Amino acid sequence: MPGRLTHKTAIVTGSASGIGRAIALLFAAEGANIVVSDIREAPLEGGEDTVAEVQKIISKNKDSGKGDEEGRKQGVIFIQCDTTSASQVENLVQQTVEKFGRLDIMINNAGVGELAPGPIYDYPEEAFQKCLSVNVTGVFHGIKYAARQMRAQDPLPPSSSSSSSSSSTTETEDKTSRGWIVNLASIVAMGAQPGAVGYTTSKHAVLGLTRTSAWDLSASLIHVNALCPGFTHTSMTKPYIVDNEAARDELRPMHPFKGFGDVRDVARAALFLSSEDAAWVTGVGLPVDGGYTAR
């Protein structure tokens, strides 16, 4: 039986490690062609690289029959990319289309955490500019060049699972989506984080990019949404929720449902926003935070 993303091709930036890696693995399990993209191929946490893990999943899909009913082969490639460079992101999209023929899903996940914790009156300008360059300009490039490609290609037909779920056709259902763009914001984009002016500002900007782009691309039937994860176990958050006992004890109760998140929690939300299940969803910042923003 085909997966929820069979026939589709997805780029996941920053997918050598952490949340991006989890998204790439889940999307592969659901049948998508995967473009693993990062500034380095080896995961920060050590172990096998994402491409090798995806290849294992593709083999399992093939052996279990969970693949393309029309016999097309699922694939994976790695493309090195610094998302702060417009030319590299444009090349990332071009190489993806050369390999797989189209681009259906763009996950703008590459980013940095807070680089210089401290109050704004002592905050170094170079740290502020670095946060904006990676977390905002990188997402801008991803949306821009993915949207150009998606607008130029024909929509895929709806999957058999979605088309058979209802016998009636509404105005929204008969218009097949042309693409899905998901940006990684943060729960701090829905409020503030003291002592983290660079990171907080950058994630608020990601929500602004998401909402404006959703309006700009709605007529082209391209979804643009954002995920706002709470504190999730990754190499980026390790200094706060593993190594620093005081910070860990302060932050854990702020996530009343099960405490800190797992990367797979965020990946499952990304799958929803990248699938036909989100057929009438665009311009949202979806908290995935164990209740953090319910306070």
C-alpha atoms as a PDB file:
ATOM      1  CA  MET A   1       0.000   0.000   0.000  1.00  0.00           C
ATOM      2  CA  PRO A   2       1.449   3.426  -0.939  1.00  0.00           C
ATOM      3  CA  GLY A   3       2.572   5.760   1.839  1.00  0.00           C
ATOM      4  CA  ARG A   4       1.115   9.211   2.435  1.00  0.00           C
ATOM      5  CA  LEU A   5       3.944  10.853   0.456  1.00  0.00           C
ATOM      6  CA  THR A   6       4.392   8.337  -2.362  1.00  0.00           C
ATOM      7  CA  HIS A   7       5.178  10.078  -5.711  1.00  0.00           C
ATOM      8  CA  LYS A   8       6.352  13.204  -3.866  1.00  0.00           C
ATOM      9  CA  THR A   9       9.867  14.646  -3.608  1.00  0.00           C
ATOM     10  CA  ALA A  10      10.981  16.466  -0.457  1.00  0.00           C
ATOM     11  CA  ILE A  11      13.981  18.642   0.360  1.00  0.00           C
ATOM     12  CA  VAL A  12      14.827  18.796   4.064  1.00  0.00           C
ATOM     13  CA  THR A  13      17.460  21.384   4.934  1.00  0.00           C
ATOM     14  CA  GLY A  14      19.552  20.847   8.029  1.00  0.00           C
ATOM     15  CA  SER A  15      18.727  17.143   7.906  1.00  0.00           C
ATOM     16  CA  ALA A  16      22.070  15.647   8.883  1.00  0.00           C
ATOM     17  CA  SER A  17      20.946  15.772  12.518  1.00  0.00           C
ATOM     18  CA  GLY A  18      18.131  16.450  14.935  1.00  0.00           C
ATOM     19  CA  ILE A  19      14.641  17.432  13.841  1.00  0.00           C
ATOM     20  CA  GLY A  20      15.578  17.600  10.158  1.00  0.00           C
ATOM     21  CA  ARG A  21      16.945  14.070  10.243  1.00  0.00           C
ATOM     22  CA  ALA A  22      13.782  12.780  11.943  1.00  0.00           C
ATOM     23  CA  ILE A  23      11.633  14.453   9.279  1.00  0.00           C
ATOM     24  CA  ALA A  24      13.701  12.950   6.461  1.00  0.00           C
ATOM     25  CA  LEU A  25      13.421   9.450   7.948  1.00  0.00           C
ATOM     26  CA  LEU A  26       9.663   9.685   8.493  1.00  0.00           C
ATOM     27  CA  PHE A  27       9.013  11.111   5.035  1.00  0.00           C
ATOM     28  CA  ALA A  28      11.081   8.289   3.528  1.00  0.00           C
ATOM     29  CA  ALA A  29       8.992   5.754   5.443  1.00  0.00           C
ATOM     30  CA  GLU A  30       5.913   7.374   3.879  1.00  0.00           C
ATOM     31  CA  GLY A  31       7.287   6.878   0.358  1.00  0.00           C
ATOM     32  CA  ALA A  32       8.834  10.244  -0.551  1.00  0.00           C
ATOM     33  CA  ASN A  33      12.021  10.801  -2.517  1.00  0.00           C
ATOM     34  CA  ILE A  34      14.357  12.513  -0.058  1.00  0.00           C
ATOM     35  CA  VAL A  35      16.960  15.207  -0.624  1.00  0.00           C
ATOM     36  CA  VAL A  36      19.100  15.381   2.497  1.00  0.00           C
ATOM     37  CA  SER A  37      20.720  18.807   2.662  1.00  0.00           C
ATOM     38  CA  ASP A  38      23.086  20.314   5.204  1.00  0.00           C
ATOM     39  CA  ILE A  39      26.434  22.037   5.458  1.00  0.00           C
ATOM     40  CA  ARG A  40      27.888  18.689   6.538  1.00  0.00           C
ATOM     41  CA  GLU A  41      26.832  15.109   5.841  1.00  0.00           C
ATOM     42  CA  ALA A  42      27.812  13.545   9.172  1.00  0.00           C
ATOM     43  CA  PRO A  43      25.316  13.875  12.055  1.00  0.00           C
ATOM     44  CA  LEU A  44      26.382  16.005  15.009  1.00  0.00           C
ATOM     45  CA  GLU A  45      25.280  13.231  17.359  1.00  0.00           C
ATOM     46  CA  GLY A  46      27.558  10.706  15.629  1.00  0.00           C
ATOM     47  CA  GLY A  47      26.475   7.424  14.081  1.00  0.00           C
ATOM     48  CA  GLU A  48      25.315   6.631  10.562  1.00  0.00           C
ATOM     49  CA  ASP A  49      24.531   9.487   8.212  1.00  0.00           C
ATOM     50  CA  THR A  50      20.960  10.296   7.205  1.00  0.00           C
ATOM     51  CA  VAL A  51      21.323   9.113   3.605  1.00  0.00           C
ATOM     52  CA  ALA A  52      22.391   5.649   4.764  1.00  0.00           C
ATOM     53  CA  GLU A  53      19.441   5.474   7.165  1.00  0.00           C
ATOM     54  CA  VAL A  54      17.020   6.571   4.445  1.00  0.00           C
ATOM     55  CA  GLN A  55      18.419   3.930   2.091  1.00  0.00           C
ATOM     56  CA  LYS A  56      17.601   1.273   4.693  1.00  0.00           C
ATOM     57  CA  ILE A  57      14.031   2.564   4.892  1.00  0.00           C
ATOM     58  CA  ILE A  58      13.673   2.543   1.107  1.00  0.00           C
ATOM     59  CA  SER A  59      14.815  -1.080   1.003  1.00  0.00           C
ATOM     60  CA  LYS A  60      12.307  -1.961   3.711  1.00  0.00           C
ATOM     61  CA  ASN A  61       9.525  -0.187   1.772  1.00  0.00           C
ATOM     62  CA  LYS A  62      10.406  -2.162  -1.328  1.00  0.00           C
ATOM     63  CA  ASP A  63      10.483  -5.484   0.519  1.00  0.00           C
ATOM     64  CA  SER A  64       7.167  -4.826   2.270  1.00  0.00           C
ATOM     65  CA  GLY A  65       5.354  -3.588  -0.820  1.00  0.00           C
ATOM     66  CA  LYS A  66       4.851  -0.142   0.714  1.00  0.00           C
ATOM     67  CA  GLY A  67       5.923   1.681  -2.384  1.00  0.00           C
ATOM     68  CA  ASP A  68       4.812   3.141  -5.651  1.00  0.00           C
ATOM     69  CA  GLU A  69       1.983   1.166  -7.251  1.00  0.00           C
ATOM     70  CA  GLU A  70       3.267   2.212 -10.677  1.00  0.00           C
ATOM     71  CA  GLY A  71       6.725   0.753 -10.064  1.00  0.00           C
ATOM     72  CA  ARG A  72       8.702   3.987  -9.896  1.00  0.00           C
ATOM     73  CA  LYS A  73      11.784   3.773  -7.701  1.00  0.00           C
ATOM     74  CA  GLN A  74      12.066   5.760  -4.498  1.00  0.00           C
ATOM     75  CA  GLY A  75      15.397   7.526  -4.052  1.00  0.00           C
ATOM     76  CA  VAL A  76      17.619   9.642  -1.818  1.00  0.00           C
ATOM     77  CA  ILE A  77      20.561  11.993  -2.432  1.00  0.00           C
ATOM     78  CA  PHE A  78      22.685  14.351  -0.344  1.00  0.00           C
ATOM     79  CA  ILE A  79      23.284  17.919  -1.532  1.00  0.00           C
ATOM     80  CA  GLN A  80      25.553  20.144   0.496  1.00  0.00           C
ATOM     81  CA  CYS A  81      24.052  23.593   0.963  1.00  0.00           C
ATOM     82  CA  ASP A  82      24.602  26.701   3.030  1.00  0.00           C
ATOM     83  CA  THR A  83      21.124  28.212   3.099  1.00  0.00           C
ATOM     84  CA  THR A  84      22.468  31.726   3.706  1.00  0.00           C
ATOM     85  CA  SER A  85      23.678  31.651   0.077  1.00  0.00           C
ATOM     86  CA  ALA A  86      20.977  32.357  -2.513  1.00  0.00           C
ATOM     87  CA  SER A  87      22.961  30.661  -5.273  1.00  0.00           C
ATOM     88  CA  GLN A  88      23.443  27.490  -3.234  1.00  0.00           C
ATOM     89  CA  VAL A  89      19.745  27.236  -2.410  1.00  0.00           C
ATOM     90  CA  GLU A  90      18.819  27.856  -6.047  1.00  0.00           C
ATOM     91  CA  ASN A  91      21.272  25.111  -7.025  1.00  0.00           C
ATOM     92  CA  LEU A  92      19.766  22.806  -4.364  1.00  0.00           C
ATOM     93  CA  VAL A  93      16.351  23.108  -5.999  1.00  0.00           C
ATOM     94  CA  GLN A  94      17.782  22.732  -9.512  1.00  0.00           C
ATOM     95  CA  GLN A  95      19.709  19.571  -8.630  1.00  0.00           C
ATOM     96  CA  THR A  96      16.617  18.121  -6.965  1.00  0.00           C
ATOM     97  CA  VAL A  97      14.535  18.651 -10.095  1.00  0.00           C
ATOM     98  CA  GLU A  98      17.295  17.257 -12.308  1.00  0.00           C
ATOM     99  CA  LYS A  99      17.351  14.084 -10.193  1.00  0.00           C
ATOM    100  CA  PHE A 100      13.652  13.547  -9.428  1.00  0.00           C
ATOM    101  CA  GLY A 101      11.813  15.681 -11.978  1.00  0.00           C
ATOM    102  CA  ARG A 102       9.962  17.935  -9.526  1.00  0.00           C
ATOM    103  CA  LEU A 103       9.832  19.360  -6.011  1.00  0.00           C
ATOM    104  CA  ASP A 104       6.693  18.861  -3.933  1.00  0.00           C
ATOM    105  CA  ILE A 105       7.773  19.537  -0.345  1.00  0.00           C
ATOM    106  CA  MET A 106      10.296  22.028   1.025  1.00  0.00           C
ATOM    107  CA  ILE A 107      11.196  21.766   4.707  1.00  0.00           C
ATOM    108  CA  ASN A 108      13.171  24.852   5.764  1.00  0.00           C
ATOM    109  CA  ASN A 109      14.687  23.407   8.908  1.00  0.00           C
ATOM    110  CA  ALA A 110      18.326  24.602   8.858  1.00  0.00           C
ATOM    111  CA  GLY A 111      19.003  27.021  11.676  1.00  0.00           C
ATOM    112  CA  VAL A 112      21.073  27.988  14.684  1.00  0.00           C
ATOM    113  CA  GLY A 113      20.177  28.364  18.343  1.00  0.00           C
ATOM    114  CA  GLU A 114      20.901  31.288  20.607  1.00  0.00           C
ATOM    115  CA  LEU A 115      24.533  32.258  19.999  1.00  0.00           C
ATOM    116  CA  ALA A 116      25.151  34.785  22.784  1.00  0.00           C
ATOM    117  CA  PRO A 117      22.760  34.432  25.738  1.00  0.00           C
ATOM    118  CA  GLY A 118      22.419  37.695  27.594  1.00  0.00           C
ATOM    119  CA  PRO A 119      20.444  40.933  27.869  1.00  0.00           C
ATOM    120  CA  ILE A 120      19.974  43.203  24.862  1.00  0.00           C
ATOM    121  CA  TYR A 121      22.199  45.975  26.261  1.00  0.00           C
ATOM    122  CA  ASP A 122      25.185  43.611  26.162  1.00  0.00           C
ATOM    123  CA  TYR A 123      24.162  41.645  23.052  1.00  0.00           C
ATOM    124  CA  PRO A 124      26.909  41.474  20.382  1.00  0.00           C
ATOM    125  CA  GLU A 125      25.861  42.674  16.939  1.00  0.00           C
ATOM    126  CA  GLU A 126      27.720  39.888  15.166  1.00  0.00           C
ATOM    127  CA  ALA A 127      25.657  37.246  17.022  1.00  0.00           C
ATOM    128  CA  PHE A 128      22.440  39.082  16.173  1.00  0.00           C
ATOM    129  CA  GLN A 129      23.333  39.270  12.476  1.00  0.00           C
ATOM    130  CA  LYS A 130      24.372  35.591  12.414  1.00  0.00           C
ATOM    131  CA  CYS A 131      21.000  34.528  13.859  1.00  0.00           C
ATOM    132  CA  LEU A 132      19.147  36.579  11.265  1.00  0.00           C
ATOM    133  CA  SER A 133      21.335  35.370   8.409  1.00  0.00           C
ATOM    134  CA  VAL A 134      20.802  31.669   9.087  1.00  0.00           C
ATOM    135  CA  ASN A 135      17.332  31.594  10.633  1.00  0.00           C
ATOM    136  CA  VAL A 136      15.641  34.263   8.516  1.00  0.00           C
ATOM    137  CA  THR A 137      17.561  34.769   5.269  1.00  0.00           C
ATOM    138  CA  GLY A 138      18.025  31.011   4.914  1.00  0.00           C
ATOM    139  CA  VAL A 139      14.272  30.431   5.222  1.00  0.00           C
ATOM    140  CA  PHE A 140      13.595  33.298   2.798  1.00  0.00           C
ATOM    141  CA  HIS A 141      15.843  31.640   0.208  1.00  0.00           C
ATOM    142  CA  GLY A 142      14.165  28.275   0.740  1.00  0.00           C
ATOM    143  CA  ILE A 143      10.669  29.658   0.265  1.00  0.00           C
ATOM    144  CA  LYS A 144      11.648  31.783  -2.732  1.00  0.00           C
ATOM    145  CA  TYR A 145      13.353  29.125  -4.834  1.00  0.00           C
ATOM    146  CA  ALA A 146      11.004  26.299  -3.865  1.00  0.00           C
ATOM    147  CA  ALA A 147       8.021  28.476  -4.777  1.00  0.00           C
ATOM    148  CA  ARG A 148       9.479  29.323  -8.182  1.00  0.00           C
ATOM    149  CA  GLN A 149       9.799  25.631  -9.002  1.00  0.00           C
ATOM    150  CA  MET A 150       6.418  24.647  -7.569  1.00  0.00           C
ATOM    151  CA  ARG A 151       4.605  27.381  -9.508  1.00  0.00           C
ATOM    152  CA  ALA A 152       6.195  26.138 -12.741  1.00  0.00           C
ATOM    153  CA  GLN A 153       5.134  22.500 -12.380  1.00  0.00           C
ATOM    154  CA  ASP A 154       1.821  20.725 -12.716  1.00  0.00           C
ATOM    155  CA  PRO A 155       0.131  19.551  -9.512  1.00  0.00           C
ATOM    156  CA  LEU A 156       0.252  15.857  -8.752  1.00  0.00           C
ATOM    157  CA  PRO A 157      -3.080  14.023  -8.835  1.00  0.00           C
ATOM    158  CA  PRO A 158      -4.519  13.390  -5.360  1.00  0.00           C
ATOM    159  CA  SER A 159      -3.487  10.111  -3.760  1.00  0.00           C
ATOM    160  CA  SER A 160      -5.862   7.196  -3.934  1.00  0.00           C
ATOM    161  CA  SER A 161      -6.347   7.330  -0.150  1.00  0.00           C
ATOM    162  CA  SER A 162      -7.452  10.959  -0.170  1.00  0.00           C
ATOM    163  CA  SER A 163      -9.586  10.720  -3.285  1.00  0.00           C
ATOM    164  CA  SER A 164     -11.472   7.714  -1.958  1.00  0.00           C
ATOM    165  CA  SER A 165     -12.102   9.141   1.510  1.00  0.00           C
ATOM    166  CA  SER A 166     -15.232  10.961   0.379  1.00  0.00           C
ATOM    167  CA  SER A 167     -17.608  10.539  -2.512  1.00  0.00           C
ATOM    168  CA  SER A 168     -18.573  14.218  -2.535  1.00  0.00           C
ATOM    169  CA  THR A 169     -16.405  16.949  -4.085  1.00  0.00           C
ATOM    170  CA  THR A 170     -16.254  20.449  -2.672  1.00  0.00           C
ATOM    171  CA  GLU A 171     -14.713  23.604  -4.084  1.00  0.00           C
ATOM    172  CA  THR A 172     -11.516  23.061  -2.081  1.00  0.00           C
ATOM    173  CA  GLU A 173     -11.201  19.321  -2.767  1.00  0.00           C
ATOM    174  CA  ASP A 174     -11.206  19.582  -6.562  1.00  0.00           C
ATOM    175  CA  LYS A 175      -8.131  21.822  -6.599  1.00  0.00           C
ATOM    176  CA  THR A 176      -5.023  19.713  -6.114  1.00  0.00           C
ATOM    177  CA  SER A 177      -2.185  21.379  -4.209  1.00  0.00           C
ATOM    178  CA  ARG A 178       0.932  22.296  -6.158  1.00  0.00           C
ATOM    179  CA  GLY A 179       3.349  22.197  -3.232  1.00  0.00           C
ATOM    180  CA  TRP A 180       3.931  22.237   0.520  1.00  0.00           C
ATOM    181  CA  ILE A 181       6.455  24.483   2.298  1.00  0.00           C
ATOM    182  CA  VAL A 182       7.065  24.042   6.024  1.00  0.00           C
ATOM    183  CA  ASN A 183       9.325  26.390   7.978  1.00  0.00           C
ATOM    184  CA  LEU A 184      10.788  25.656  11.399  1.00  0.00           C
ATOM    185  CA  ALA A 185      10.004  28.442  13.830  1.00  0.00           C
ATOM    186  CA  SER A 186       9.841  27.930  17.618  1.00  0.00           C
ATOM    187  CA  ILE A 187       7.615  28.438  20.612  1.00  0.00           C
ATOM    188  CA  VAL A 188       9.607  31.612  21.288  1.00  0.00           C
ATOM    189  CA  ALA A 189       8.014  33.000  18.107  1.00  0.00           C
ATOM    190  CA  MET A 190       4.725  33.013  20.005  1.00  0.00           C
ATOM    191  CA  GLY A 191       6.079  34.983  22.932  1.00  0.00           C
ATOM    192  CA  ALA A 192       9.561  35.794  24.139  1.00  0.00           C
ATOM    193  CA  GLN A 193      12.620  34.208  25.708  1.00  0.00           C
ATOM    194  CA  PRO A 194      14.592  36.460  28.087  1.00  0.00           C
ATOM    195  CA  GLY A 195      18.271  36.716  27.224  1.00  0.00           C
ATOM    196  CA  ALA A 196      17.787  35.376  23.693  1.00  0.00           C
ATOM    197  CA  VAL A 197      17.144  38.443  21.572  1.00  0.00           C
ATOM    198  CA  GLY A 198      18.825  37.111  18.422  1.00  0.00           C
ATOM    199  CA  TYR A 199      17.081  33.758  18.379  1.00  0.00           C
ATOM    200  CA  THR A 200      13.704  35.114  19.463  1.00  0.00           C
ATOM    201  CA  THR A 201      13.739  37.883  16.863  1.00  0.00           C
ATOM    202  CA  SER A 202      14.700  35.450  14.112  1.00  0.00           C
ATOM    203  CA  LYS A 203      11.878  33.041  14.915  1.00  0.00           C
ATOM    204  CA  HIS A 204       9.281  35.830  15.020  1.00  0.00           C
ATOM    205  CA  ALA A 205      10.529  36.750  11.544  1.00  0.00           C
ATOM    206  CA  VAL A 206      10.036  33.164  10.353  1.00  0.00           C
ATOM    207  CA  LEU A 207       6.353  33.432  11.275  1.00  0.00           C
ATOM    208  CA  GLY A 208       6.138  36.705   9.359  1.00  0.00           C
ATOM    209  CA  LEU A 209       7.716  35.084   6.303  1.00  0.00           C
ATOM    210  CA  THR A 210       5.347  32.129   6.624  1.00  0.00           C
ATOM    211  CA  ARG A 211       2.164  34.188   6.809  1.00  0.00           C
ATOM    212  CA  THR A 212       3.101  36.619   4.046  1.00  0.00           C
ATOM    213  CA  SER A 213       4.258  33.826   1.754  1.00  0.00           C
ATOM    214  CA  ALA A 214       1.047  31.898   2.410  1.00  0.00           C
ATOM    215  CA  TRP A 215      -0.930  34.847   1.053  1.00  0.00           C
ATOM    216  CA  ASP A 216       1.445  35.336  -1.889  1.00  0.00           C
ATOM    217  CA  LEU A 217       1.279  31.659  -2.886  1.00  0.00           C
ATOM    218  CA  SER A 218      -2.341  30.754  -2.159  1.00  0.00           C
ATOM    219  CA  ALA A 219      -3.440  31.500  -5.732  1.00  0.00           C
ATOM    220  CA  SER A 220      -0.756  29.057  -6.911  1.00  0.00           C
ATOM    221  CA  LEU A 221      -2.149  26.370  -4.562  1.00  0.00           C
ATOM    222  CA  ILE A 222       1.071  26.202  -2.539  1.00  0.00           C
ATOM    223  CA  HIS A 223       0.755  25.712   1.217  1.00  0.00           C
ATOM    224  CA  VAL A 224       3.141  27.619   3.500  1.00  0.00           C
ATOM    225  CA  ASN A 225       3.065  26.765   7.200  1.00  0.00           C
ATOM    226  CA  ALA A 226       5.411  26.778  10.174  1.00  0.00           C
ATOM    227  CA  LEU A 227       6.116  24.470  13.079  1.00  0.00           C
ATOM    228  CA  CYS A 228       6.765  25.941  16.515  1.00  0.00           C
ATOM    229  CA  PRO A 229       8.483  23.209  18.557  1.00  0.00           C
ATOM    230  CA  GLY A 230       8.897  23.378  22.287  1.00  0.00           C
ATOM    231  CA  PHE A 231      12.169  22.340  23.923  1.00  0.00           C
ATOM    232  CA  THR A 232      13.009  19.093  22.122  1.00  0.00           C
ATOM    233  CA  HIS A 233      15.904  16.692  22.675  1.00  0.00           C
ATOM    234  CA  THR A 234      18.527  17.614  20.030  1.00  0.00           C
ATOM    235  CA  SER A 235      22.212  18.500  19.958  1.00  0.00           C
ATOM    236  CA  MET A 236      21.156  22.181  19.826  1.00  0.00           C
ATOM    237  CA  THR A 237      19.168  22.013  23.066  1.00  0.00           C
ATOM    238  CA  LYS A 238      21.506  19.656  24.920  1.00  0.00           C
ATOM    239  CA  PRO A 239      23.301  22.497  26.786  1.00  0.00           C
ATOM    240  CA  TYR A 240      19.952  23.588  28.253  1.00  0.00           C
ATOM    241  CA  ILE A 241      17.916  20.454  28.864  1.00  0.00           C
ATOM    242  CA  VAL A 242      20.632  17.876  29.518  1.00  0.00           C
ATOM    243  CA  ASP A 243      23.891  19.515  30.614  1.00  0.00           C
ATOM    244  CA  ASN A 244      22.463  22.357  32.724  1.00  0.00           C
ATOM    245  CA  GLU A 245      20.588  20.926  35.681  1.00  0.00           C
ATOM    246  CA  ALA A 246      19.111  24.261  36.807  1.00  0.00           C
ATOM    247  CA  ALA A 247      17.820  25.087  33.321  1.00  0.00           C
ATOM    248  CA  ARG A 248      16.463  21.562  32.919  1.00  0.00           C
ATOM    249  CA  ASP A 249      14.546  21.748  36.186  1.00  0.00           C
ATOM    250  CA  GLU A 250      13.103  25.143  35.239  1.00  0.00           C
ATOM    251  CA  LEU A 251      12.120  24.250  31.660  1.00  0.00           C
ATOM    252  CA  ARG A 252      10.700  20.743  32.065  1.00  0.00           C
ATOM    253  CA  PRO A 253       7.559  21.791  34.055  1.00  0.00           C
ATOM    254  CA  MET A 254       6.786  24.357  31.346  1.00  0.00           C
ATOM    255  CA  HIS A 255       5.913  21.407  29.092  1.00  0.00           C
ATOM    256  CA  PRO A 256       3.082  19.858  31.165  1.00  0.00           C
ATOM    257  CA  PHE A 257       2.343  17.030  28.739  1.00  0.00           C
ATOM    258  CA  LYS A 258       5.231  14.523  29.024  1.00  0.00           C
ATOM    259  CA  GLY A 259       7.985  17.125  29.545  1.00  0.00           C
ATOM    260  CA  PHE A 260      10.548  17.712  26.797  1.00  0.00           C
ATOM    261  CA  GLY A 261       9.762  16.655  23.241  1.00  0.00           C
ATOM    262  CA  ASP A 262      11.247  14.028  20.982  1.00  0.00           C
ATOM    263  CA  VAL A 263      12.290  14.840  17.409  1.00  0.00           C
ATOM    264  CA  ARG A 264       9.722  12.326  16.168  1.00  0.00           C
ATOM    265  CA  ASP A 265       6.941  14.432  17.722  1.00  0.00           C
ATOM    266  CA  VAL A 266       7.924  17.320  15.469  1.00  0.00           C
ATOM    267  CA  ALA A 267       8.409  15.058  12.446  1.00  0.00           C
ATOM    268  CA  ARG A 268       4.847  13.741  12.726  1.00  0.00           C
ATOM    269  CA  ALA A 269       3.506  17.298  12.728  1.00  0.00           C
ATOM    270  CA  ALA A 270       5.656  18.080   9.674  1.00  0.00           C
ATOM    271  CA  LEU A 271       4.134  15.064   7.929  1.00  0.00           C
ATOM    272  CA  PHE A 272       0.630  16.398   8.537  1.00  0.00           C
ATOM    273  CA  LEU A 273       1.513  19.842   7.158  1.00  0.00           C
ATOM    274  CA  SER A 274       3.196  18.247   4.108  1.00  0.00           C
ATOM    275  CA  SER A 275       0.341  15.946   3.169  1.00  0.00           C
ATOM    276  CA  GLU A 276      -3.133  16.117   1.691  1.00  0.00           C
ATOM    277  CA  ASP A 277      -4.472  15.879   5.252  1.00  0.00           C
ATOM    278  CA  ALA A 278      -3.631  19.608   5.427  1.00  0.00           C
ATOM    279  CA  ALA A 279      -5.544  20.371   2.223  1.00  0.00           C
ATOM    280  CA  TRP A 280      -7.119  23.563   3.633  1.00  0.00           C
ATOM    281  CA  VAL A 281      -4.330  24.656   5.954  1.00  0.00           C
ATOM    282  CA  THR A 282      -1.941  27.505   5.158  1.00  0.00           C
ATOM    283  CA  GLY A 283      -0.347  30.421   6.969  1.00  0.00           C
ATOM    284  CA  VAL A 284      -0.337  28.819  10.420  1.00  0.00           C
ATOM    285  CA  GLY A 285       2.323  28.496  13.107  1.00  0.00           C
ATOM    286  CA  LEU A 286       1.565  25.129  14.707  1.00  0.00           C
ATOM    287  CA  PRO A 287       2.837  24.659  18.270  1.00  0.00           C
ATOM    288  CA  VAL A 288       4.284  21.205  18.954  1.00  0.00           C
ATOM    289  CA  ASP A 289       5.194  21.826  22.548  1.00  0.00           C
ATOM    290  CA  GLY A 290       3.589  19.535  25.120  1.00  0.00           C
ATOM    291  CA  GLY A 291       1.349  22.364  26.283  1.00  0.00           C
ATOM    292  CA  TYR A 292       4.028  25.056  26.711  1.00  0.00           C
ATOM    293  CA  THR A 293       1.971  27.759  24.975  1.00  0.00           C
ATOM    294  CA  ALA A 294      -1.243  26.818  26.822  1.00  0.00           C
ATOM    295  CA  ARG A 295      -0.126  28.813  29.858  1.00  0.00           C
END
